Amino acid sequence: MQSFFIPSIPAMRRCLELASLGRGHVGNAPLVGSVLVRDEAIIAEGYYEGFGKLHAERSLLQKFDQKISSEDVLYVNLEPCCHHGKTPPCTDILLERGVKNVVCGMVDPDTRVAGKGIEILRAHGVNVICPFLHSQCAYLNRGFISVRTRLRPWITLKRAQTRDGRIANPDGSKMKITDETQDALAHKHLRAKHDAILVGVNTILTDNPQLDTRFIQNNSLVYRIILDPHFKIPESANVVSPSLASRTIIVTANILEELQAKKAALTQRGVRILELPFDGQIFDWQALFNALMTPNDEYHGITSILVEGGPKTWELFSRSGYRDEEVVLVGN
């Protein structure tokens, strides 16, 4: 007989906290955390630590060496997988260890799962409650959901402007709009919550930004994407410096022969250079998204982009309909 219990909101929120620890490590995969609850107390935890590593549920259960009680409840913010990928199905280990109660935040949108994991567990007598805190779980993995259902990353447009709507000085030169408090908040709640920051090359030429999260941490795990169709980025730019190069992606068109030496130099530093179709105005969007989402060697893909480029870049994304959120920071 299946047991009756009331799902714990704090337990699922702890799953989300654990899941977020994987940001910057899981590539195009989901952020997943899991906890095991006994007598209303969490007795074990796990999360998906990185691309190709153990999934959250398997990580938890392989570390937990006690016998699982029929009253214990396993919480996970995403439906347990039921397919063979880089690791065995999580449904297998849940059944092997005798887990009888599972609460998952949402159904996995991946077509290889998509409710099948829940069906397998229920068919074997496991009491499954799903969804639970769905909106919070879906928002955490909005990038993963977008990649699996719309074949593109989640895209947030961010800009800063003065109270009267200006974004630069009258001569077009850079204007400092936001203060340090706003910058720190933007790094913590925007940059650090996306897999990549995107700008056009003119922002690099004008401002020479670092595009990192230095206001909240020393070693940024965010990628930097530069749209640079004519490969104008200077080798002295901050984003291709030795300390930042390995997380910088330059998107360009066919590179001319006279620029091949610069390409080789930047590639040697660790910069990823993508040569994609360009019609003179914009890159082929789907080719761009596919290249950014798809794992390749040590690059494991991304699921979300924060567009911080200038007006031209914002307009390109907005006009093309690739805008899921827009954030405007207003300074003095």
Protein backbone atom coordinates (compact mmCIF):
# COMPACT_ATOMS: atom_id res chain seq x y z
CA MET A 1 0.00 0.00 0.00
CA GLN A 2 1.33 3.44 -0.90
CA SER A 3 1.97 5.79 2.00
CA PHE A 4 0.35 9.19 2.31
CA PHE A 5 2.42 12.23 3.12
CA ILE A 6 2.35 15.98 2.64
CA PRO A 7 5.28 17.20 0.50
CA SER A 8 7.74 19.52 2.19
CA ILE A 9 8.27 22.96 0.66
CA PRO A 10 11.62 23.48 2.51
CA ALA A 11 12.89 20.14 1.16
CA MET A 12 12.18 21.12 -2.45
CA ARG A 13 13.68 24.57 -1.91
CA ARG A 14 16.82 22.86 -0.65
CA CYS A 15 16.86 20.84 -3.88
CA LEU A 16 16.83 24.11 -5.82
CA GLU A 17 19.67 25.52 -3.70
CA LEU A 18 21.75 22.42 -4.32
CA ALA A 19 20.88 22.39 -8.02
CA SER A 20 22.13 25.96 -8.47
CA LEU A 21 25.61 24.85 -7.36
CA GLY A 22 25.97 23.17 -10.73
CA ARG A 23 25.64 26.39 -12.73
CA GLY A 24 28.64 26.90 -14.97
CA HIS A 25 29.54 23.19 -14.72
CA VAL A 26 26.66 21.24 -16.30
CA GLY A 27 26.84 22.65 -19.83
CA ASN A 28 23.61 22.14 -21.78
CA ALA A 29 22.23 19.76 -19.14
CA PRO A 30 19.76 20.67 -16.35
CA LEU A 31 20.48 21.95 -12.87
CA VAL A 32 19.32 19.24 -10.47
CA GLY A 33 19.45 18.78 -6.71
CA SER A 34 18.09 15.99 -4.55
CA VAL A 35 17.47 15.39 -0.84
CA LEU A 36 16.32 12.40 1.21
CA VAL A 37 13.92 13.16 4.05
CA ARG A 38 13.21 10.99 7.08
CA ASP A 39 10.90 12.07 9.91
CA GLU A 40 10.77 15.60 8.41
CA ALA A 41 14.55 15.99 8.49
CA ILE A 42 16.98 15.92 5.56
CA ILE A 43 19.37 13.00 6.04
CA ALA A 44 21.21 13.01 2.68
CA GLU A 45 21.86 15.39 -0.21
CA GLY A 46 23.23 15.30 -3.72
CA TYR A 47 23.34 17.42 -6.85
CA TYR A 48 24.44 17.20 -10.46
CA GLU A 49 27.98 18.51 -10.11
CA GLY A 50 29.10 18.68 -13.72
CA PHE A 51 28.65 17.58 -17.31
CA GLY A 52 28.92 13.79 -17.56
CA LYS A 53 29.07 13.25 -13.79
CA LEU A 54 26.58 11.38 -11.59
CA HIS A 55 23.04 12.69 -11.63
CA ALA A 56 21.70 14.17 -8.40
CA GLU A 57 19.69 11.14 -7.28
CA ARG A 58 22.47 8.66 -8.05
CA SER A 59 25.04 10.91 -6.35
CA LEU A 60 22.89 11.00 -3.21
CA LEU A 61 22.14 7.28 -3.10
CA GLN A 62 25.69 6.14 -3.79
CA LYS A 63 26.93 8.19 -0.84
CA PHE A 64 24.08 7.16 1.49
CA ASP A 65 25.00 3.82 3.06
CA GLN A 66 22.01 3.34 5.36
CA LYS A 67 18.96 1.19 4.62
CA ILE A 68 16.15 3.23 3.16
CA SER A 69 12.88 3.10 5.08
CA SER A 70 9.52 2.73 3.36
CA GLU A 71 8.57 6.09 4.87
CA ASP A 72 11.61 7.98 3.56
CA VAL A 73 10.91 10.54 0.83
CA LEU A 74 13.32 11.45 -1.95
CA TYR A 75 12.92 14.94 -3.41
CA VAL A 76 14.33 16.05 -6.75
CA ASN A 77 13.52 19.19 -8.71
CA LEU A 78 13.39 17.38 -12.07
CA GLU A 79 11.85 14.04 -13.01
CA PRO A 80 14.32 11.14 -12.60
CA CYS A 81 15.77 10.05 -15.94
CA CYS A 82 14.98 6.62 -17.37
CA HIS A 83 17.39 6.41 -20.31
CA HIS A 84 21.01 5.40 -20.71
CA GLY A 85 23.19 8.44 -21.37
CA LYS A 86 26.56 9.27 -19.86
CA THR A 87 25.27 7.57 -16.68
CA PRO A 88 22.71 4.78 -16.07
CA PRO A 89 19.02 5.65 -15.52
CA CYS A 90 18.23 7.19 -12.14
CA THR A 91 15.00 5.18 -12.04
CA ASP A 92 17.14 2.03 -11.81
CA ILE A 93 18.97 3.04 -8.65
CA LEU A 94 15.80 4.38 -7.02
CA LEU A 95 14.20 0.97 -7.46
CA GLU A 96 17.35 -0.94 -6.50
CA ARG A 97 17.67 0.98 -3.23
CA GLY A 98 13.99 0.56 -2.36
CA VAL A 99 12.89 4.19 -2.50
CA LYS A 100 9.10 4.15 -2.05
CA ASN A 101 8.23 7.85 -2.09
CA VAL A 102 9.42 10.45 -4.62
CA VAL A 103 8.52 14.11 -5.01
CA CYS A 104 9.74 15.76 -8.21
CA GLY A 105 9.34 19.40 -9.09
CA MET A 106 8.48 19.01 -12.75
CA VAL A 107 8.37 16.61 -15.68
CA ASP A 108 11.58 16.48 -17.72
CA PRO A 109 10.98 18.11 -21.16
CA ASP A 110 13.64 15.90 -22.76
CA THR A 111 11.77 13.57 -25.13
CA ARG A 112 13.81 10.61 -23.85
CA VAL A 113 12.12 11.10 -20.47
CA ALA A 114 9.00 13.31 -20.69
CA GLY A 115 6.97 11.48 -18.04
CA LYS A 116 8.38 8.00 -18.71
CA GLY A 117 10.53 8.11 -15.56
CA ILE A 118 7.44 8.75 -13.43
CA GLU A 119 5.54 5.97 -15.21
CA ILE A 120 8.30 3.45 -14.53
CA LEU A 121 8.45 4.32 -10.85
CA ARG A 122 4.68 4.16 -10.42
CA ALA A 123 4.54 0.84 -12.29
CA HIS A 124 6.89 -0.55 -9.63
CA GLY A 125 4.77 0.68 -6.75
CA VAL A 126 6.60 3.95 -5.99
CA ASN A 127 4.41 6.77 -4.71
CA VAL A 128 5.29 9.76 -6.96
CA ILE A 129 4.05 13.30 -6.47
CA CYS A 130 4.70 15.58 -9.45
CA PRO A 131 4.70 18.51 -10.05
CA PHE A 132 5.59 20.30 -6.85
CA LEU A 133 6.71 23.95 -6.66
CA HIS A 134 6.61 23.74 -10.44
CA SER A 135 7.06 27.45 -11.21
CA GLN A 136 10.23 27.72 -9.11
CA CYS A 137 11.64 24.52 -10.57
CA ALA A 138 10.83 25.55 -14.13
CA TYR A 139 12.34 29.01 -13.68
CA LEU A 140 15.62 27.60 -12.37
CA ASN A 141 15.88 25.41 -15.47
CA ARG A 142 14.34 27.87 -17.94
CA GLY A 143 17.43 27.62 -20.12
CA PHE A 144 17.36 23.83 -20.23
CA ILE A 145 13.64 23.87 -20.99
CA SER A 146 14.16 26.39 -23.78
CA VAL A 147 16.96 24.34 -25.34
CA ARG A 148 14.88 21.14 -25.24
CA THR A 149 11.56 22.62 -26.40
CA ARG A 150 12.50 25.61 -28.60
CA LEU A 151 15.96 24.58 -29.78
CA ARG A 152 17.53 27.80 -28.57
CA PRO A 153 18.89 29.23 -25.30
CA TRP A 154 16.84 31.40 -22.95
CA ILE A 155 17.66 35.02 -23.78
CA THR A 156 17.59 38.01 -21.44
CA LEU A 157 18.22 41.53 -22.77
CA LYS A 158 19.85 43.89 -20.27
CA ARG A 159 20.58 47.58 -20.71
CA ALA A 160 21.37 50.59 -18.57
CA GLN A 161 20.03 54.09 -19.15
CA THR A 162 19.75 57.41 -17.37
CA ARG A 163 16.43 58.62 -16.03
CA ASP A 164 15.95 60.66 -19.21
CA GLY A 165 16.68 57.65 -21.42
CA ARG A 166 20.30 58.31 -22.48
CA ILE A 167 22.72 55.40 -22.88
CA ALA A 168 25.86 57.32 -23.94
CA ASN A 169 27.36 60.81 -24.06
CA PRO A 170 26.23 63.13 -26.90
CA ASP A 171 29.40 62.32 -28.87
CA GLY A 172 28.72 58.58 -28.55
CA SER A 173 31.48 57.97 -26.00
CA LYS A 174 30.98 55.70 -23.01
CA MET A 175 28.88 57.03 -20.13
CA LYS A 176 29.03 55.50 -16.67
CA ILE A 177 25.38 55.09 -15.73
CA THR A 178 25.10 52.52 -12.95
CA ASP A 179 26.79 52.78 -9.56
CA GLU A 180 28.83 50.07 -7.85
CA THR A 181 25.83 48.74 -5.92
CA GLN A 182 23.85 48.29 -9.12
CA ASP A 183 26.86 46.67 -10.79
CA ALA A 184 27.21 44.19 -7.93
CA LEU A 185 23.50 43.34 -8.09
CA ALA A 186 23.70 42.90 -11.86
CA HIS A 187 26.65 40.54 -11.51
CA LYS A 188 24.94 38.48 -8.80
CA HIS A 189 21.39 38.32 -10.14
CA LEU A 190 21.97 38.55 -13.90
CA ARG A 191 25.46 37.60 -15.04
CA ALA A 192 25.93 34.81 -12.51
CA LYS A 193 22.45 33.41 -13.29
CA HIS A 194 23.18 32.98 -17.01
CA ASP A 195 25.61 30.70 -18.80
CA ALA A 196 26.93 33.41 -21.12
CA ILE A 197 27.13 37.18 -21.63
CA LEU A 198 26.82 38.38 -25.23
CA VAL A 199 27.92 41.68 -26.78
CA GLY A 200 28.76 43.00 -30.21
CA VAL A 201 32.37 43.73 -31.11
CA ASN A 202 31.76 47.49 -31.00
CA THR A 203 31.25 47.20 -27.25
CA ILE A 204 34.68 45.57 -27.02
CA LEU A 205 36.27 48.27 -29.20
CA THR A 206 34.61 51.12 -27.28
CA ASP A 207 34.59 49.93 -23.66
CA ASN A 208 37.08 47.04 -23.51
CA PRO A 209 35.02 45.29 -20.78
CA GLN A 210 35.97 42.12 -18.91
CA LEU A 211 32.45 40.64 -19.01
CA ASP A 212 32.97 38.59 -15.86
CA THR A 213 31.43 38.38 -12.39
CA ARG A 214 34.30 39.97 -10.51
CA PHE A 215 31.94 41.85 -8.16
CA ILE A 216 30.87 38.58 -6.53
CA GLN A 217 33.63 36.03 -7.21
CA ASN A 218 37.20 35.83 -8.44
CA ASN A 219 36.93 33.04 -10.98
CA SER A 220 34.01 33.62 -13.32
CA LEU A 221 32.36 30.53 -14.82
CA VAL A 222 30.32 32.56 -17.30
CA TYR A 223 31.12 32.44 -21.01
CA ARG A 224 31.69 35.61 -23.04
CA ILE A 225 30.22 35.64 -26.56
CA ILE A 226 31.38 38.34 -28.98
CA LEU A 227 29.49 38.87 -32.26
CA ASP A 228 32.31 39.97 -34.56
CA PRO A 229 31.50 39.25 -38.23
CA HIS A 230 34.63 40.92 -39.62
CA PHE A 231 36.99 39.65 -36.89
CA LYS A 232 37.93 43.12 -35.67
CA ILE A 233 38.60 42.19 -32.05
CA PRO A 234 42.13 43.29 -31.00
CA GLU A 235 44.47 40.75 -29.44
CA SER A 236 44.89 43.21 -26.56
CA ALA A 237 41.18 43.11 -25.58
CA ASN A 238 40.47 42.15 -21.97
CA VAL A 239 38.10 39.34 -22.96
CA VAL A 240 40.88 37.49 -24.80
CA SER A 241 43.53 38.05 -22.14
CA PRO A 242 45.17 34.84 -20.83
CA SER A 243 43.04 34.82 -17.67
CA LEU A 244 39.72 35.10 -19.55
CA ALA A 245 40.41 33.55 -22.96
CA SER A 246 39.28 30.00 -22.17
CA ARG A 247 35.70 31.15 -21.56
CA THR A 248 35.51 33.53 -24.54
CA ILE A 249 33.72 32.67 -27.78
CA ILE A 250 34.12 34.84 -30.88
CA VAL A 251 31.42 34.45 -33.50
CA THR A 252 32.63 35.58 -36.91
CA ALA A 253 32.15 34.99 -40.65
CA ASN A 254 34.81 33.66 -43.00
CA ILE A 255 38.17 34.90 -41.73
CA LEU A 256 40.37 36.51 -44.38
CA GLU A 257 43.81 35.13 -45.11
CA GLU A 258 45.55 38.15 -43.60
CA LEU A 259 43.73 37.51 -40.28
CA GLN A 260 44.65 33.83 -39.98
CA ALA A 261 47.67 34.62 -37.78
CA LYS A 262 45.42 36.45 -35.30
CA LYS A 263 43.00 33.53 -35.34
CA ALA A 264 45.85 31.13 -34.57
CA ALA A 265 47.15 33.32 -31.74
CA LEU A 266 43.76 33.64 -30.08
CA THR A 267 42.99 29.96 -30.52
CA GLN A 268 46.28 29.08 -28.84
CA ARG A 269 45.21 31.14 -25.81
CA GLY A 270 42.05 29.07 -25.55
CA VAL A 271 39.55 31.34 -27.31
CA ARG A 272 36.83 29.45 -29.19
CA ILE A 273 36.24 30.90 -32.67
CA LEU A 274 33.04 30.01 -34.51
CA GLU A 275 32.86 30.81 -38.25
CA LEU A 276 29.16 30.92 -39.10
CA PRO A 277 26.99 32.03 -42.05
CA PHE A 278 26.51 35.81 -42.16
CA ASP A 279 24.29 37.66 -44.66
CA GLY A 280 25.88 41.06 -44.21
CA GLN A 281 23.49 42.07 -41.44
CA ILE A 282 22.96 39.13 -39.10
CA PHE A 283 24.33 35.66 -38.47
CA ASP A 284 22.20 32.64 -39.23
CA TRP A 285 20.36 32.43 -35.92
CA GLN A 286 19.81 28.69 -35.80
CA ALA A 287 23.41 27.99 -36.81
CA LEU A 288 24.49 30.30 -33.99
CA PHE A 289 22.22 28.68 -31.42
CA ASN A 290 23.18 25.17 -32.50
CA ALA A 291 26.90 25.96 -32.19
CA LEU A 292 26.41 27.48 -28.73
CA MET A 293 24.18 24.69 -27.38
CA THR A 294 26.12 21.71 -28.72
CA PRO A 295 28.95 20.14 -26.68
CA ASN A 296 32.28 19.90 -28.49
CA ASP A 297 35.42 18.50 -26.83
CA GLU A 298 35.94 20.42 -23.59
CA TYR A 299 33.06 22.79 -24.37
CA HIS A 300 29.80 21.42 -22.95
CA GLY A 301 27.29 23.90 -24.35
CA ILE A 302 25.11 26.60 -22.80
CA THR A 303 21.39 27.08 -22.16
CA SER A 304 21.02 30.80 -21.37
CA ILE A 305 22.40 34.11 -22.65
CA LEU A 306 22.43 37.59 -21.13
CA VAL A 307 22.65 40.10 -23.98
CA GLU A 308 24.53 43.18 -22.78
CA GLY A 309 25.56 44.57 -26.16
CA GLY A 310 24.88 48.09 -27.40
CA PRO A 311 21.68 49.33 -29.12
CA LYS A 312 22.46 47.56 -32.41
CA THR A 313 22.84 44.17 -30.74
CA TRP A 314 19.73 44.65 -28.59
CA GLU A 315 17.76 45.63 -31.68
CA LEU A 316 18.95 42.54 -33.59
CA PHE A 317 17.69 40.21 -30.88
CA SER A 318 14.50 42.13 -30.21
CA ARG A 319 13.56 42.49 -33.89
CA SER A 320 14.19 38.80 -34.47
CA GLY A 321 11.90 37.87 -31.57
CA TYR A 322 14.66 36.32 -29.48
CA ARG A 323 13.83 37.97 -26.17
CA ASP A 324 12.47 36.11 -23.17
CA GLU A 325 13.14 38.75 -20.53
CA GLU A 326 14.29 42.36 -20.57
CA VAL A 327 15.95 44.15 -17.66
CA VAL A 328 16.54 47.91 -17.61
CA LEU A 329 18.88 49.41 -15.00
CA VAL A 330 18.16 53.10 -14.45
CA GLY A 331 20.98 55.34 -13.21
CA ASN A 332 21.28 59.04 -12.54
